[in-house]
Amino acid sequence: MPKKDLPPSDASESNLLFAVIGLVVAAGLAAAMSAWIAGFVLDQLQNTDALVMLVTDGGLKSDSKDLERNMSTATIALQSCRDLGWALGVGCLGVGLAVVVRLRKKTPPRAS
C-alpha cells in the first residue's frame, strides 16, 4: 500500500522551530564566549609584568608565575573555544539538513 504525502504535523513544525531557536541562542552564547576568551588572551599577551617568556616543549615558562598560570588558562580556554565552535558547526549542519528535508517534503512533486 503506497504511502500518502501527509502535511507535517504542528508538533513537528514546533520541534523544528525550537531546534532553530536553541541553535541561535547557542550561537549567540558561543560568540560572546569567544569574544571574552579572545580578550583575555590578548590582555595576557600584552601583560608588562613579565620580563622573559620562553616557549618550551612543556609549555610556556615565564619569570612571572602569575602570567605563566594565566597563559596556561588561556591555552585551555582557546581549546575549549575551538571545541565549542566545532560542536556548534555540527549542530548548525544538523538543523540545516532538517530544514532542507522539511522544505523538500513540502514542495509538491512536478508533473511530467
PDB file of N, CA and C in Angstrom:
ATOM      1  N   MET A   1       0.843  -1.166   0.000  1.00  0.00           N
ATOM      2  CA  MET A   1       0.000   0.000   0.000  1.00  0.00           C
ATOM      3  C   MET A   1       0.898   1.241   0.000  1.00  0.00           C
ATOM      4  N   PRO A   2       0.790   2.111  -1.013  1.00  0.00           N
ATOM      5  CA  PRO A   2       1.667   3.286  -1.078  1.00  0.00           C
ATOM      6  C   PRO A   2       1.319   4.294   0.005  1.00  0.00           C
ATOM      7  N   LYS A   3       2.370   4.962   0.473  1.00  0.00           N
ATOM      8  CA  LYS A   3       2.179   5.997   1.494  1.00  0.00           C
ATOM      9  C   LYS A   3       1.693   7.275   0.831  1.00  0.00           C
ATOM     10  N   LYS A   4       0.796   7.950   1.500  1.00  0.00           N
ATOM     11  CA  LYS A   4       0.336   9.249   1.018  1.00  0.00           C
ATOM     12  C   LYS A   4       1.184  10.330   1.671  1.00  0.00           C
ATOM     13  N   ASP A   5       1.468  11.385   0.918  1.00  0.00           N
ATOM     14  CA  ASP A   5       2.193  12.508   1.498  1.00  0.00           C
ATOM     15  C   ASP A   5       1.254  13.272   2.402  1.00  0.00           C
ATOM     16  N   LEU A   6       1.579  13.237   3.682  1.00  0.00           N
ATOM     17  CA  LEU A   6       0.757  13.952   4.657  1.00  0.00           C
ATOM     18  C   LEU A   6       1.429  15.274   4.993  1.00  0.00           C
ATOM     19  N   PRO A   7       0.647  16.298   5.257  1.00  0.00           N
ATOM     20  CA  PRO A   7       1.269  17.563   5.664  1.00  0.00           C
ATOM     21  C   PRO A   7       1.939  17.375   7.025  1.00  0.00           C
ATOM     22  N   PRO A   8       3.047  18.086   7.267  1.00  0.00           N
ATOM     23  CA  PRO A   8       3.726  17.941   8.546  1.00  0.00           C
ATOM     24  C   PRO A   8       2.810  18.388   9.682  1.00  0.00           C
ATOM     25  N   SER A   9       2.916  17.670  10.766  1.00  0.00           N
ATOM     26  CA  SER A   9       2.065  17.996  11.910  1.00  0.00           C
ATOM     27  C   SER A   9       2.562  19.268  12.595  1.00  0.00           C
ATOM     28  N   ASP A  10       1.677  19.836  13.392  1.00  0.00           N
ATOM     29  CA  ASP A  10       2.056  21.038  14.138  1.00  0.00           C
ATOM     30  C   ASP A  10       3.169  20.738  15.129  1.00  0.00           C
ATOM     31  N   ALA A  11       3.183  19.521  15.668  1.00  0.00           N
ATOM     32  CA  ALA A  11       4.214  19.155  16.643  1.00  0.00           C
ATOM     33  C   ALA A  11       5.587  19.125  15.994  1.00  0.00           C
ATOM     34  N   SER A  12       5.684  18.575  14.787  1.00  0.00           N
ATOM     35  CA  SER A  12       6.996  18.522  14.132  1.00  0.00           C
ATOM     36  C   SER A  12       7.451  19.922  13.724  1.00  0.00           C
ATOM     37  N   GLU A  13       6.532  20.781  13.309  1.00  0.00           N
ATOM     38  CA  GLU A  13       6.880  22.171  12.994  1.00  0.00           C
ATOM     39  C   GLU A  13       7.385  22.880  14.247  1.00  0.00           C
ATOM     40  N   SER A  14       6.713  22.621  15.359  1.00  0.00           N
ATOM     41  CA  SER A  14       7.104  23.241  16.624  1.00  0.00           C
ATOM     42  C   SER A  14       8.486  22.750  17.060  1.00  0.00           C
ATOM     43  N   ASN A  15       8.751  21.456  16.874  1.00  0.00           N
ATOM     44  CA  ASN A  15      10.054  20.905  17.253  1.00  0.00           C
ATOM     45  C   ASN A  15      11.174  21.535  16.431  1.00  0.00           C
ATOM     46  N   LEU A  16      10.942  21.712  15.141  1.00  0.00           N
ATOM     47  CA  LEU A  16      11.948  22.335  14.290  1.00  0.00           C
ATOM     48  C   LEU A  16      12.182  23.784  14.707  1.00  0.00           C
ATOM     49  N   LEU A  17      11.112  24.486  15.040  1.00  0.00           N
ATOM     50  CA  LEU A  17      11.247  25.868  15.485  1.00  0.00           C
ATOM     51  C   LEU A  17      12.056  25.948  16.784  1.00  0.00           C
ATOM     52  N   PHE A  18      11.782  25.032  17.726  1.00  0.00           N
ATOM     53  CA  PHE A  18      12.552  25.012  18.976  1.00  0.00           C
ATOM     54  C   PHE A  18      14.022  24.695  18.706  1.00  0.00           C
ATOM     55  N   ALA A  19      14.299  23.809  17.754  1.00  0.00           N
ATOM     56  CA  ALA A  19      15.690  23.477  17.416  1.00  0.00           C
ATOM     57  C   ALA A  19      16.411  24.694  16.848  1.00  0.00           C
ATOM     58  N   VAL A  20      15.745  25.432  15.982  1.00  0.00           N
ATOM     59  CA  VAL A  20      16.356  26.618  15.385  1.00  0.00           C
ATOM     60  C   VAL A  20      16.584  27.692  16.456  1.00  0.00           C
ATOM     61  N   ILE A  21      15.590  27.899  17.316  1.00  0.00           N
ATOM     62  CA  ILE A  21      15.736  28.899  18.391  1.00  0.00           C
ATOM     63  C   ILE A  21      16.877  28.511  19.325  1.00  0.00           C
ATOM     64  N   GLY A  22      16.932  27.235  19.690  1.00  0.00           N
ATOM     65  CA  GLY A  22      18.007  26.763  20.567  1.00  0.00           C
ATOM     66  C   GLY A  22      19.376  26.951  19.938  1.00  0.00           C
ATOM     67  N   LEU A  23      19.469  26.683  18.647  1.00  0.00           N
ATOM     68  CA  LEU A  23      20.744  26.840  17.961  1.00  0.00           C
ATOM     69  C   LEU A  23      21.155  28.304  17.868  1.00  0.00           C
ATOM     70  N   VAL A  24      20.203  29.190  17.656  1.00  0.00           N
ATOM     71  CA  VAL A  24      20.514  30.622  17.605  1.00  0.00           C
ATOM     72  C   VAL A  24      21.000  31.110  18.974  1.00  0.00           C
ATOM     73  N   VAL A  25      20.354  30.657  20.046  1.00  0.00           N
ATOM     74  CA  VAL A  25      20.789  31.035  21.388  1.00  0.00           C
ATOM     75  C   VAL A  25      22.197  30.502  21.655  1.00  0.00           C
ATOM     76  N   ALA A  26      22.449  29.241  21.289  1.00  0.00           N
ATOM     77  CA  ALA A  26      23.775  28.654  21.489  1.00  0.00           C
ATOM     78  C   ALA A  26      24.826  29.403  20.673  1.00  0.00           C
ATOM     79  N   ALA A  27      24.480  29.792  19.456  1.00  0.00           N
ATOM     80  CA  ALA A  27      25.428  30.546  18.622  1.00  0.00           C
ATOM     81  C   ALA A  27      25.741  31.904  19.245  1.00  0.00           C
ATOM     82  N   GLY A  28      24.723  32.571  19.786  1.00  0.00           N
ATOM     83  CA  GLY A  28      24.955  33.855  20.447  1.00  0.00           C
ATOM     84  C   GLY A  28      25.846  33.722  21.664  1.00  0.00           C
ATOM     85  N   LEU A  29      25.599  32.696  22.478  1.00  0.00           N
ATOM     86  CA  LEU A  29      26.445  32.471  23.652  1.00  0.00           C
ATOM     87  C   LEU A  29      27.869  32.112  23.247  1.00  0.00           C
ATOM     88  N   ALA A  30      28.001  31.294  22.208  1.00  0.00           N
ATOM     89  CA  ALA A  30      29.339  30.919  21.741  1.00  0.00           C
ATOM     90  C   ALA A  30      30.098  32.136  21.226  1.00  0.00           C
ATOM     91  N   ALA A  31      29.411  33.024  20.529  1.00  0.00           N
ATOM     92  CA  ALA A  31      30.062  34.239  20.028  1.00  0.00           C
ATOM     93  C   ALA A  31      30.513  35.128  21.187  1.00  0.00           C
ATOM     94  N   ALA A  32      29.657  35.271  22.195  1.00  0.00           N
ATOM     95  CA  ALA A  32      30.026  36.093  23.357  1.00  0.00           C
ATOM     96  C   ALA A  32      31.203  35.470  24.106  1.00  0.00           C
ATOM     97  N   MET A  33      31.180  34.146  24.278  1.00  0.00           N
ATOM     98  CA  MET A  33      32.287  33.473  24.972  1.00  0.00           C
ATOM     99  C   MET A  33      33.577  33.588  24.169  1.00  0.00           C
ATOM    100  N   SER A  34      33.494  33.461  22.861  1.00  0.00           N
ATOM    101  CA  SER A  34      34.686  33.578  22.011  1.00  0.00           C
ATOM    102  C   SER A  34      35.293  34.974  22.128  1.00  0.00           C
ATOM    103  N   ALA A  35      34.455  35.993  22.139  1.00  0.00           N
ATOM    104  CA  ALA A  35      34.951  37.365  22.279  1.00  0.00           C
ATOM    105  C   ALA A  35      35.616  37.568  23.637  1.00  0.00           C
ATOM    106  N   TRP A  36      35.009  37.027  24.682  1.00  0.00           N
ATOM    107  CA  TRP A  36      35.597  37.173  26.026  1.00  0.00           C
ATOM    108  C   TRP A  36      36.927  36.435  26.110  1.00  0.00           C
ATOM    109  N   ILE A  37      37.000  35.221  25.567  1.00  0.00           N
ATOM    110  CA  ILE A  37      38.240  34.435  25.613  1.00  0.00           C
ATOM    111  C   ILE A  37      39.340  35.131  24.811  1.00  0.00           C
ATOM    112  N   ALA A  38      39.001  35.638  23.636  1.00  0.00           N
ATOM    113  CA  ALA A  38      39.993  36.348  22.822  1.00  0.00           C
ATOM    114  C   ALA A  38      40.500  37.593  23.558  1.00  0.00           C
ATOM    115  N   GLY A  39      39.606  38.308  24.219  1.00  0.00           N
ATOM    116  CA  GLY A  39      40.022  39.474  25.002  1.00  0.00           C
ATOM    117  C   GLY A  39      40.952  39.106  26.137  1.00  0.00           C
ATOM    118  N   PHE A  40      40.658  37.991  26.823  1.00  0.00           N
ATOM    119  CA  PHE A  40      41.507  37.528  27.919  1.00  0.00           C
ATOM    120  C   PHE A  40      42.903  37.172  27.409  1.00  0.00           C
ATOM    121  N   VAL A  41      42.963  36.454  26.295  1.00  0.00           N
ATOM    122  CA  VAL A  41      44.257  36.061  25.733  1.00  0.00           C
ATOM    123  C   VAL A  41      45.046  37.282  25.301  1.00  0.00           C
ATOM    124  N   LEU A  42      44.399  38.227  24.639  1.00  0.00           N
ATOM    125  CA  LEU A  42      45.092  39.446  24.217  1.00  0.00           C
ATOM    126  C   LEU A  42      45.599  40.251  25.412  1.00  0.00           C
ATOM    127  N   ASP A  43      44.813  40.325  26.465  1.00  0.00           N
ATOM    128  CA  ASP A  43      45.262  41.034  27.672  1.00  0.00           C
ATOM    129  C   ASP A  43      46.493  40.376  28.271  1.00  0.00           C
ATOM    130  N   GLN A  44      46.524  39.047  28.280  1.00  0.00           N
ATOM    131  CA  GLN A  44      47.664  38.342  28.853  1.00  0.00           C
ATOM    132  C   GLN A  44      48.915  38.492  27.983  1.00  0.00           C
ATOM    133  N   LEU A  45      48.724  38.550  26.672  1.00  0.00           N
ATOM    134  CA  LEU A  45      49.878  38.727  25.792  1.00  0.00           C
ATOM    135  C   LEU A  45      50.472  40.127  25.902  1.00  0.00           C
ATOM    136  N   GLN A  46      49.676  41.098  26.331  1.00  0.00           N
ATOM    137  CA  GLN A  46      50.156  42.466  26.467  1.00  0.00           C
ATOM    138  C   GLN A  46      50.546  42.798  27.903  1.00  0.00           C
ATOM    139  N   ASN A  47      50.588  41.795  28.768  1.00  0.00           N
ATOM    140  CA  ASN A  47      50.944  41.999  30.164  1.00  0.00           C
ATOM    141  C   ASN A  47      52.405  42.443  30.255  1.00  0.00           C
ATOM    142  N   THR A  48      52.652  43.536  30.975  1.00  0.00           N
ATOM    143  CA  THR A  48      54.015  44.076  31.089  1.00  0.00           C
ATOM    144  C   THR A  48      54.712  43.627  32.369  1.00  0.00           C
ATOM    145  N   ASP A  49      54.088  42.742  33.156  1.00  0.00           N
ATOM    146  CA  ASP A  49      54.704  42.292  34.410  1.00  0.00           C
ATOM    147  C   ASP A  49      55.882  41.359  34.172  1.00  0.00           C
ATOM    148  N   ALA A  50      55.862  40.612  33.103  1.00  0.00           N
ATOM    149  CA  ALA A  50      56.913  39.630  32.851  1.00  0.00           C
ATOM    150  C   ALA A  50      58.003  40.242  31.983  1.00  0.00           C
ATOM    151  N   LEU A  51      59.230  39.902  32.305  1.00  0.00           N
ATOM    152  CA  LEU A  51      60.351  40.361  31.506  1.00  0.00           C
ATOM    153  C   LEU A  51      60.747  39.324  30.462  1.00  0.00           C
ATOM    154  N   VAL A  52      60.584  38.035  30.833  1.00  0.00           N
ATOM    155  CA  VAL A  52      61.022  36.958  29.947  1.00  0.00           C
ATOM    156  C   VAL A  52      59.922  35.913  29.851  1.00  0.00           C
ATOM    157  N   MET A  53      59.695  35.415  28.634  1.00  0.00           N
ATOM    158  CA  MET A  53      58.771  34.307  28.443  1.00  0.00           C
ATOM    159  C   MET A  53      59.403  33.358  27.422  1.00  0.00           C
ATOM    160  N   LEU A  54      59.534  32.094  27.806  1.00  0.00           N
ATOM    161  CA  LEU A  54      60.119  31.089  26.933  1.00  0.00           C
ATOM    162  C   LEU A  54      59.060  30.073  26.541  1.00  0.00           C
ATOM    163  N   VAL A  55      59.078  29.669  25.297  1.00  0.00           N
ATOM    164  CA  VAL A  55      58.192  28.613  24.822  1.00  0.00           C
ATOM    165  C   VAL A  55      59.014  27.332  24.787  1.00  0.00           C
ATOM    166  N   THR A  56      58.601  26.339  25.562  1.00  0.00           N
ATOM    167  CA  THR A  56      59.315  25.069  25.637  1.00  0.00           C
ATOM    168  C   THR A  56      58.373  23.935  25.246  1.00  0.00           C
ATOM    169  N   ASP A  57      58.916  22.715  25.179  1.00  0.00           N
ATOM    170  CA  ASP A  57      58.079  21.552  24.877  1.00  0.00           C
ATOM    171  C   ASP A  57      57.033  21.329  25.958  1.00  0.00           C
ATOM    172  N   GLY A  58      57.347  21.711  27.172  1.00  0.00           N
ATOM    173  CA  GLY A  58      56.428  21.528  28.298  1.00  0.00           C
ATOM    174  C   GLY A  58      55.448  22.672  28.471  1.00  0.00           C
ATOM    175  N   GLY A  59      55.481  23.656  27.593  1.00  0.00           N
ATOM    176  CA  GLY A  59      54.569  24.791  27.699  1.00  0.00           C
ATOM    177  C   GLY A  59      55.330  26.093  27.818  1.00  0.00           C
ATOM    178  N   LEU A  60      54.666  27.103  28.323  1.00  0.00           N
ATOM    179  CA  LEU A  60      55.279  28.424  28.475  1.00  0.00           C
ATOM    180  C   LEU A  60      55.941  28.538  29.839  1.00  0.00           C
ATOM    181  N   LYS A  61      57.122  29.145  29.857  1.00  0.00           N
ATOM    182  CA  LYS A  61      57.833  29.420  31.104  1.00  0.00           C
ATOM    183  C   LYS A  61      58.090  30.918  31.162  1.00  0.00           C
ATOM    184  N   SER A  62      57.832  31.491  32.332  1.00  0.00           N
ATOM    185  CA  SER A  62      57.987  32.930  32.487  1.00  0.00           C
ATOM    186  C   SER A  62      58.577  33.228  33.850  1.00  0.00           C
ATOM    187  N   ASP A  63      59.150  34.426  33.990  1.00  0.00           N
ATOM    188  CA  ASP A  63      59.647  34.821  35.309  1.00  0.00           C
ATOM    189  C   ASP A  63      58.499  35.268  36.213  1.00  0.00           C
ATOM    190  N   SER A  64      57.312  35.437  35.666  1.00  0.00           N
ATOM    191  CA  SER A  64      56.130  35.777  36.440  1.00  0.00           C
ATOM    192  C   SER A  64      55.223  34.548  36.521  1.00  0.00           C
ATOM    193  N   LYS A  65      55.108  33.973  37.697  1.00  0.00           N
ATOM    194  CA  LYS A  65      54.263  32.780  37.871  1.00  0.00           C
ATOM    195  C   LYS A  65      52.803  33.092  37.570  1.00  0.00           C
ATOM    196  N   ASP A  66      52.388  34.303  37.870  1.00  0.00           N
ATOM    197  CA  ASP A  66      51.005  34.702  37.605  1.00  0.00           C
ATOM    198  C   ASP A  66      50.720  34.684  36.098  1.00  0.00           C
ATOM    199  N   LEU A  67      51.629  35.244  35.332  1.00  0.00           N
ATOM    200  CA  LEU A  67      51.461  35.261  33.880  1.00  0.00           C
ATOM    201  C   LEU A  67      51.525  33.846  33.318  1.00  0.00           C
ATOM    202  N   GLU A  68      52.409  33.036  33.840  1.00  0.00           N
ATOM    203  CA  GLU A  68      52.537  31.648  33.382  1.00  0.00           C
ATOM    204  C   GLU A  68      51.226  30.887  33.607  1.00  0.00           C
ATOM    205  N   ARG A  69      50.640  31.077  34.781  1.00  0.00           N
ATOM    206  CA  ARG A  69      49.360  30.425  35.104  1.00  0.00           C
ATOM    207  C   ARG A  69      48.234  30.951  34.204  1.00  0.00           C
ATOM    208  N   ASN A  70      48.218  32.261  33.981  1.00  0.00           N
ATOM    209  CA  ASN A  70      47.189  32.850  33.117  1.00  0.00           C
ATOM    210  C   ASN A  70      47.324  32.387  31.669  1.00  0.00           C
ATOM    211  N   MET A  71      48.544  32.221  31.183  1.00  0.00           N
ATOM    212  CA  MET A  71      48.732  31.755  29.817  1.00  0.00           C
ATOM    213  C   MET A  71      48.314  30.294  29.676  1.00  0.00           C
ATOM    214  N   SER A  72      48.546  29.495  30.722  1.00  0.00           N
ATOM    215  CA  SER A  72      48.073  28.106  30.690  1.00  0.00           C
ATOM    216  C   SER A  72      46.552  28.074  30.657  1.00  0.00           C
ATOM    217  N   THR A  73      45.925  28.942  31.445  1.00  0.00           N
ATOM    218  CA  THR A  73      44.466  29.042  31.442  1.00  0.00           C
ATOM    219  C   THR A  73      43.963  29.525  30.078  1.00  0.00           C
ATOM    220  N   ALA A  74      44.680  30.473  29.485  1.00  0.00           N
ATOM    221  CA  ALA A  74      44.284  30.989  28.171  1.00  0.00           C
ATOM    222  C   ALA A  74      44.381  29.892  27.106  1.00  0.00           C
ATOM    223  N   THR A  75      45.391  29.046  27.203  1.00  0.00           N
ATOM    224  CA  THR A  75      45.524  27.940  26.247  1.00  0.00           C
ATOM    225  C   THR A  75      44.350  26.982  26.359  1.00  0.00           C
ATOM    226  N   ILE A  76      43.973  26.644  27.578  1.00  0.00           N
ATOM    227  CA  ILE A  76      42.824  25.756  27.795  1.00  0.00           C
ATOM    228  C   ILE A  76      41.537  26.422  27.306  1.00  0.00           C
ATOM    229  N   ALA A  77      41.415  27.730  27.544  1.00  0.00           N
ATOM    230  CA  ALA A  77      40.223  28.457  27.092  1.00  0.00           C
ATOM    231  C   ALA A  77      40.131  28.466  25.570  1.00  0.00           C
ATOM    232  N   LEU A  78      41.251  28.636  24.888  1.00  0.00           N
ATOM    233  CA  LEU A  78      41.225  28.623  23.423  1.00  0.00           C
ATOM    234  C   LEU A  78      40.881  27.232  22.889  1.00  0.00           C
ATOM    235  N   GLN A  79      41.356  26.184  23.549  1.00  0.00           N
ATOM    236  CA  GLN A  79      40.999  24.836  23.136  1.00  0.00           C
ATOM    237  C   GLN A  79      39.508  24.589  23.336  1.00  0.00           C
ATOM    238  N   SER A  80      38.962  25.087  24.437  1.00  0.00           N
ATOM    239  CA  SER A  80      37.525  24.956  24.678  1.00  0.00           C
ATOM    240  C   SER A  80      36.722  25.733  23.649  1.00  0.00           C
ATOM    241  N   CYS A  81      37.215  26.894  23.284  1.00  0.00           N
ATOM    242  CA  CYS A  81      36.551  27.715  22.271  1.00  0.00           C
ATOM    243  C   CYS A  81      36.534  26.990  20.927  1.00  0.00           C
ATOM    244  N   ARG A  82      37.633  26.343  20.585  1.00  0.00           N
ATOM    245  CA  ARG A  82      37.696  25.568  19.338  1.00  0.00           C
ATOM    246  C   ARG A  82      36.692  24.419  19.371  1.00  0.00           C
ATOM    247  N   ASP A  83      36.650  23.700  20.495  1.00  0.00           N
ATOM    248  CA  ASP A  83      35.716  22.569  20.612  1.00  0.00           C
ATOM    249  C   ASP A  83      34.268  23.045  20.541  1.00  0.00           C
ATOM    250  N   LEU A  84      33.986  24.177  21.172  1.00  0.00           N
ATOM    251  CA  LEU A  84      32.639  24.735  21.134  1.00  0.00           C
ATOM    252  C   LEU A  84      32.255  25.129  19.704  1.00  0.00           C
ATOM    253  N   GLY A  85      33.202  25.683  18.976  1.00  0.00           N
ATOM    254  CA  GLY A  85      32.947  26.034  17.583  1.00  0.00           C
ATOM    255  C   GLY A  85      32.630  24.820  16.728  1.00  0.00           C
ATOM    256  N   TRP A  86      33.366  23.734  16.915  1.00  0.00           N
ATOM    257  CA  TRP A  86      33.081  22.508  16.163  1.00  0.00           C
ATOM    258  C   TRP A  86      31.715  21.950  16.525  1.00  0.00           C
ATOM    259  N   ALA A  87      31.385  21.937  17.811  1.00  0.00           N
ATOM    260  CA  ALA A  87      30.077  21.426  18.231  1.00  0.00           C
ATOM    261  C   ALA A  87      28.951  22.271  17.648  1.00  0.00           C
ATOM    262  N   LEU A  88      29.134  23.577  17.658  1.00  0.00           N
ATOM    263  CA  LEU A  88      28.127  24.467  17.104  1.00  0.00           C
ATOM    264  C   LEU A  88      27.997  24.279  15.594  1.00  0.00           C
ATOM    265  N   GLY A  89      29.112  24.047  14.917  1.00  0.00           N
ATOM    266  CA  GLY A  89      29.078  23.792  13.479  1.00  0.00           C
ATOM    267  C   GLY A  89      28.310  22.522  13.144  1.00  0.00           C
ATOM    268  N   VAL A  90      28.521  21.472  13.926  1.00  0.00           N
ATOM    269  CA  VAL A  90      27.794  20.219  13.705  1.00  0.00           C
ATOM    270  C   VAL A  90      26.302  20.429  13.978  1.00  0.00           C
ATOM    271  N   GLY A  91      25.978  21.177  15.024  1.00  0.00           N
ATOM    272  CA  GLY A  91      24.571  21.478  15.319  1.00  0.00           C
ATOM    273  C   GLY A  91      23.912  22.270  14.201  1.00  0.00           C
ATOM    274  N   CYS A  92      24.626  23.259  13.675  1.00  0.00           N
ATOM    275  CA  CYS A  92      24.087  24.050  12.554  1.00  0.00           C
ATOM    276  C   CYS A  92      23.871  23.173  11.334  1.00  0.00           C
ATOM    277  N   LEU A  93      24.799  22.271  11.066  1.00  0.00           N
ATOM    278  CA  LEU A  93      24.654  21.367   9.927  1.00  0.00           C
ATOM    279  C   LEU A  93      23.420  20.480  10.094  1.00  0.00           C
ATOM    280  N   GLY A  94      23.220  19.955  11.299  1.00  0.00           N
ATOM    281  CA  GLY A  94      22.052  19.108  11.552  1.00  0.00           C
ATOM    282  C   GLY A  94      20.739  19.846  11.376  1.00  0.00           C
ATOM    283  N   VAL A  95      20.653  21.045  11.928  1.00  0.00           N
ATOM    284  CA  VAL A  95      19.418  21.823  11.784  1.00  0.00           C
ATOM    285  C   VAL A  95      19.228  22.255  10.327  1.00  0.00           C
ATOM    286  N   GLY A  96      20.310  22.608   9.653  1.00  0.00           N
ATOM    287  CA  GLY A  96      20.209  22.968   8.250  1.00  0.00           C
ATOM    288  C   GLY A  96      19.698  21.813   7.398  1.00  0.00           C
ATOM    289  N   LEU A  97      20.197  20.612   7.653  1.00  0.00           N
ATOM    290  CA  LEU A  97      19.706  19.439   6.925  1.00  0.00           C
ATOM    291  C   LEU A  97      18.236  19.179   7.228  1.00  0.00           C
ATOM    292  N   ALA A  98      17.835  19.376   8.489  1.00  0.00           N
ATOM    293  CA  ALA A  98      16.421  19.183   8.845  1.00  0.00           C
ATOM    294  C   ALA A  98      15.531  20.170   8.102  1.00  0.00           C
ATOM    295  N   VAL A  99      15.978  21.404   7.975  1.00  0.00           N
ATOM    296  CA  VAL A  99      15.200  22.410   7.248  1.00  0.00           C
ATOM    297  C   VAL A  99      15.115  22.048   5.763  1.00  0.00           C
ATOM    298  N   VAL A 100      16.223  21.595   5.186  1.00  0.00           N
ATOM    299  CA  VAL A 100      16.207  21.197   3.770  1.00  0.00           C
ATOM    300  C   VAL A 100      15.257  20.030   3.552  1.00  0.00           C
ATOM    301  N   VAL A 101      15.317  19.029   4.430  1.00  0.00           N
ATOM    302  CA  VAL A 101      14.416  17.881   4.314  1.00  0.00           C
ATOM    303  C   VAL A 101      12.976  18.336   4.435  1.00  0.00           C
ATOM    304  N   ARG A 102      12.689  19.237   5.358  1.00  0.00           N
ATOM    305  CA  ARG A 102      11.336  19.738   5.544  1.00  0.00           C
ATOM    306  C   ARG A 102      10.850  20.478   4.306  1.00  0.00           C
ATOM    307  N   LEU A 103      11.720  21.297   3.727  1.00  0.00           N
ATOM    308  CA  LEU A 103      11.340  22.033   2.521  1.00  0.00           C
ATOM    309  C   LEU A 103      11.105  21.095   1.343  1.00  0.00           C
ATOM    310  N   ARG A 104      11.899  20.060   1.228  1.00  0.00           N
ATOM    311  CA  ARG A 104      11.709  19.106   0.135  1.00  0.00           C
ATOM    312  C   ARG A 104      10.417  18.335   0.293  1.00  0.00           C
ATOM    313  N   LYS A 105      10.033  18.040   1.542  1.00  0.00           N
ATOM    314  CA  LYS A 105       8.765  17.353   1.771  1.00  0.00           C
ATOM    315  C   LYS A 105       7.572  18.243   1.466  1.00  0.00           C
ATOM    316  N   LYS A 106       7.734  19.550   1.695  1.00  0.00           N
ATOM    317  CA  LYS A 106       6.635  20.488   1.436  1.00  0.00           C
ATOM    318  C   LYS A 106       6.455  20.788  -0.037  1.00  0.00           C
ATOM    319  N   THR A 107       7.517  20.685  -0.828  1.00  0.00           N
ATOM    320  CA  THR A 107       7.451  21.007  -2.248  1.00  0.00           C
ATOM    321  C   THR A 107       6.664  19.917  -2.958  1.00  0.00           C
ATOM    322  N   PRO A 108       5.600  20.293  -3.674  1.00  0.00           N
ATOM    323  CA  PRO A 108       4.819  19.278  -4.388  1.00  0.00           C
ATOM    324  C   PRO A 108       5.627  18.698  -5.544  1.00  0.00           C
ATOM    325  N   PRO A 109       5.399  17.431  -5.867  1.00  0.00           N
ATOM    326  CA  PRO A 109       6.148  16.823  -6.985  1.00  0.00           C
ATOM    327  C   PRO A 109       5.746  17.488  -8.309  1.00  0.00           C
ATOM    328  N   ARG A 110       6.694  17.552  -9.215  1.00  0.00           N
ATOM    329  CA  ARG A 110       6.433  18.164 -10.518  1.00  0.00           C
ATOM    330  C   ARG A 110       5.736  17.164 -11.423  1.00  0.00           C
ATOM    331  N   ALA A 111       4.782  17.673 -12.160  1.00  0.00           N
ATOM    332  CA  ALA A 111       4.084  16.812 -13.127  1.00  0.00           C
ATOM    333  C   ALA A 111       4.953  16.686 -14.376  1.00  0.00           C
ATOM    334  N   SER A 112       5.049  15.467 -14.906  1.00  0.00           N
ATOM    335  CA  SER A 112       5.857  15.298 -16.101  1.00  0.00           C
ATOM    336  C   SER A 112       5.015  14.933 -17.290  1.00  0.00           C
TER     337      SER A 112
END
